[in-house]
Amino acid sequence: MSRGFVKDGDQEEVPLVPPRADLPAGETNYVTQAGYDALLAEKEGLLEEARRLDAINENDHRIALNHINAKLQLLADRIATAKIIDLKEQPTDEVRFGATVTLQVGNGKSQKFQIVGVDEADITRGKIAFVAPLARLLMEKKAGEEAVLKLKNGNRVFKIVAIDYA
């Protein structure tokens, strides 16, 4: 159809929604129960936002609603593919998904990380995604073992001090 037959206001812009945290193709979408609950809470928040949507005009309302719906679609896909891992069923003597691992870094300082799903990851809260290089290095290791992260400017050695699933 020629642009001559379309009113300027009739062209809907496709909402630009940032993608969710990267989950590599072929990877299972593992989540903790807390992570799954957070996804459901996020969904409820978006639905509530859609219900309370107040726009100056119909066009603004439609654009805002399209944006929320696009976010909901991405979220629905994540929720539908989520595989909840029961932390009580993980082997307590080795690092697996959901473990909180206390590491001693080469300089003697200790750090604590929980290995979680991609949507739960937040380094400021000590949570790293199971697909992160460090998490992959730690998988199936036991307390007392070391993991070596090879970096461009040298290796970084992490000694596993403790593993917890609380």
Protein backbone atom coordinates (compact mmCIF):
# COMPACT_ATOMS: atom_id res chain seq x y z
CA MET A 1 0.00 0.00 0.00
CA SER A 2 1.29 3.43 -0.88
CA ARG A 3 2.01 5.88 1.93
CA GLY A 4 -0.41 8.24 0.17
CA PHE A 5 -3.37 6.21 1.46
CA VAL A 6 -2.27 6.02 5.09
CA LYS A 7 -2.74 8.70 7.71
CA ASP A 8 0.45 9.62 9.56
CA GLY A 9 -1.02 8.58 12.91
CA ASP A 10 -1.98 5.11 11.63
CA GLN A 11 1.56 3.75 11.57
CA GLU A 12 2.16 1.83 14.82
CA GLU A 13 5.72 1.73 15.88
CA VAL A 14 6.92 -1.64 17.04
CA PRO A 15 7.86 -1.21 20.69
CA LEU A 16 11.58 -1.47 21.35
CA VAL A 17 11.95 -3.74 24.35
CA PRO A 18 15.39 -4.66 25.63
CA PRO A 19 16.01 -8.40 25.56
CA ARG A 20 16.03 -10.40 28.77
CA ALA A 21 19.29 -11.74 30.18
CA ASP A 22 21.03 -13.94 27.64
CA LEU A 23 20.26 -17.64 27.79
CA PRO A 24 22.44 -19.33 25.17
CA ALA A 25 20.60 -21.39 22.56
CA GLY A 26 20.16 -24.98 23.66
CA GLU A 27 20.65 -24.22 27.38
CA THR A 28 17.97 -25.29 29.82
CA ASN A 29 16.42 -22.35 31.66
CA TYR A 30 17.34 -23.42 35.20
CA VAL A 31 15.93 -21.29 38.03
CA THR A 32 15.81 -21.45 41.79
CA GLN A 33 12.40 -21.32 43.46
CA ALA A 34 13.17 -17.74 44.49
CA GLY A 35 14.03 -16.90 40.88
CA TYR A 36 10.81 -18.44 39.62
CA ASP A 37 8.81 -16.53 42.23
CA ALA A 38 10.53 -13.32 41.10
CA LEU A 39 9.53 -14.01 37.47
CA LEU A 40 5.91 -14.49 38.54
CA ALA A 41 6.03 -11.29 40.63
CA GLU A 42 7.45 -9.41 37.65
CA LYS A 43 4.57 -10.71 35.52
CA GLU A 44 2.02 -9.56 38.10
CA GLY A 45 3.71 -6.16 38.24
CA LEU A 46 3.46 -5.75 34.47
CA LEU A 47 -0.19 -6.85 34.45
CA GLU A 48 -0.92 -4.34 37.21
CA GLU A 49 0.92 -1.64 35.27
CA ALA A 50 -1.24 -2.43 32.23
CA ARG A 51 -4.42 -2.20 34.35
CA ARG A 52 -3.39 1.17 35.80
CA LEU A 53 -2.19 2.58 32.51
CA ASP A 54 -3.27 6.16 32.25
CA ALA A 55 -2.35 8.00 29.08
CA ILE A 56 -3.21 11.44 27.81
CA ASN A 57 -4.59 10.16 24.54
CA GLU A 58 -5.57 6.88 22.90
CA ASN A 59 -2.40 6.69 20.78
CA ASP A 60 -0.12 7.07 23.81
CA HIS A 61 -2.19 4.48 25.66
CA ARG A 62 -1.90 2.01 22.78
CA ILE A 63 1.87 2.52 22.48
CA ALA A 64 2.39 2.04 26.23
CA LEU A 65 0.19 -1.05 26.24
CA ASN A 66 2.09 -2.52 23.26
CA HIS A 67 5.33 -1.97 25.17
CA ILE A 68 4.00 -3.76 28.26
CA ASN A 69 2.62 -6.60 26.13
CA ALA A 70 6.00 -7.04 24.41
CA LYS A 71 7.68 -7.30 27.82
CA LEU A 72 5.02 -9.76 28.95
CA GLN A 73 5.64 -11.94 25.89
CA LEU A 74 9.38 -12.17 26.63
CA LEU A 75 8.61 -12.90 30.26
CA ALA A 76 5.99 -15.54 29.40
CA ASP A 77 8.55 -17.36 27.26
CA ARG A 78 11.01 -17.38 30.18
CA ILE A 79 8.38 -18.60 32.64
CA ALA A 80 7.19 -21.33 30.26
CA THR A 81 10.70 -22.73 29.83
CA ALA A 82 11.77 -22.43 33.49
CA LYS A 83 13.01 -25.60 35.15
CA ILE A 84 13.01 -25.16 38.91
CA ILE A 85 15.89 -26.89 40.68
CA ASP A 86 15.17 -28.01 44.24
CA LEU A 87 18.27 -27.01 46.17
CA LYS A 88 17.57 -29.68 48.82
CA GLU A 89 18.15 -32.33 46.16
CA GLN A 90 21.59 -31.03 45.15
CA PRO A 91 24.67 -32.96 46.35
CA THR A 92 25.96 -31.02 49.35
CA ASP A 93 29.61 -31.95 48.77
CA GLU A 94 30.02 -30.42 45.31
CA VAL A 95 29.18 -27.25 43.41
CA ARG A 96 26.01 -27.46 41.37
CA PHE A 97 23.25 -25.08 40.33
CA GLY A 98 21.96 -23.10 43.31
CA ALA A 99 25.08 -23.53 45.44
CA THR A 100 26.42 -20.65 47.44
CA VAL A 101 30.17 -20.99 47.09
CA THR A 102 32.73 -19.31 49.31
CA LEU A 103 35.94 -18.80 47.36
CA GLN A 104 39.39 -17.73 48.41
CA VAL A 105 40.93 -15.59 45.72
CA GLY A 106 44.64 -15.61 44.97
CA ASN A 107 45.19 -12.49 47.10
CA GLY A 108 43.77 -14.23 50.20
CA LYS A 109 40.45 -12.41 50.21
CA SER A 110 37.26 -14.46 50.22
CA GLN A 111 34.20 -13.95 48.07
CA LYS A 112 30.80 -15.60 48.19
CA PHE A 113 28.61 -16.26 45.15
CA GLN A 114 25.40 -18.15 44.53
CA ILE A 115 25.04 -19.84 41.16
CA VAL A 116 21.57 -19.00 39.84
CA GLY A 117 19.48 -18.68 36.68
CA VAL A 118 20.20 -16.00 34.10
CA ASP A 119 17.25 -13.84 35.15
CA GLU A 120 18.30 -14.01 38.82
CA ALA A 121 21.94 -13.06 38.27
CA ASP A 122 23.01 -9.85 39.96
CA ILE A 123 26.67 -9.51 40.82
CA THR A 124 25.93 -6.72 43.31
CA ARG A 125 23.91 -9.28 45.32
CA GLY A 126 26.53 -12.02 44.93
CA LYS A 127 24.52 -13.99 42.35
CA ILE A 128 26.12 -15.22 39.13
CA ALA A 129 24.43 -16.96 36.22
CA PHE A 130 25.13 -20.66 35.77
CA VAL A 131 26.31 -19.88 32.22
CA ALA A 132 28.98 -17.42 33.43
CA PRO A 133 32.58 -18.60 32.88
CA LEU A 134 33.33 -18.68 36.63
CA ALA A 135 30.19 -20.69 37.39
CA ARG A 136 31.04 -23.20 34.66
CA LEU A 137 34.56 -23.57 36.10
CA LEU A 138 33.21 -24.26 39.58
CA MET A 139 30.63 -26.86 38.58
CA GLU A 140 31.17 -30.33 40.08
CA LYS A 141 34.16 -29.20 42.15
CA LYS A 142 34.40 -29.95 45.86
CA ALA A 143 35.52 -27.92 48.86
CA GLY A 144 39.31 -27.66 48.93
CA GLU A 145 39.65 -27.85 45.14
CA GLU A 146 40.86 -25.03 42.96
CA ALA A 147 39.43 -23.54 39.79
CA VAL A 148 41.66 -21.61 37.42
CA LEU A 149 40.11 -18.86 35.34
CA LYS A 150 42.33 -18.16 32.33
CA LEU A 151 42.41 -14.48 31.52
CA LYS A 152 44.21 -12.53 28.82
CA ASN A 153 46.61 -10.98 31.34
CA GLY A 154 47.19 -14.12 33.43
CA ASN A 155 45.33 -16.75 35.37
CA ARG A 156 43.16 -16.19 38.41
CA VAL A 157 43.02 -19.02 40.93
CA PHE A 158 39.97 -19.60 43.13
CA LYS A 159 40.05 -22.10 46.00
CA ILE A 160 36.68 -23.46 47.06
CA VAL A 161 36.40 -22.94 50.81
CA ALA A 162 32.75 -23.87 51.40
CA ILE A 163 29.62 -25.02 49.55
CA ASP A 164 26.14 -24.34 50.91
CA TYR A 165 22.61 -24.82 49.61
CA ALA A 166 20.70 -23.04 52.39
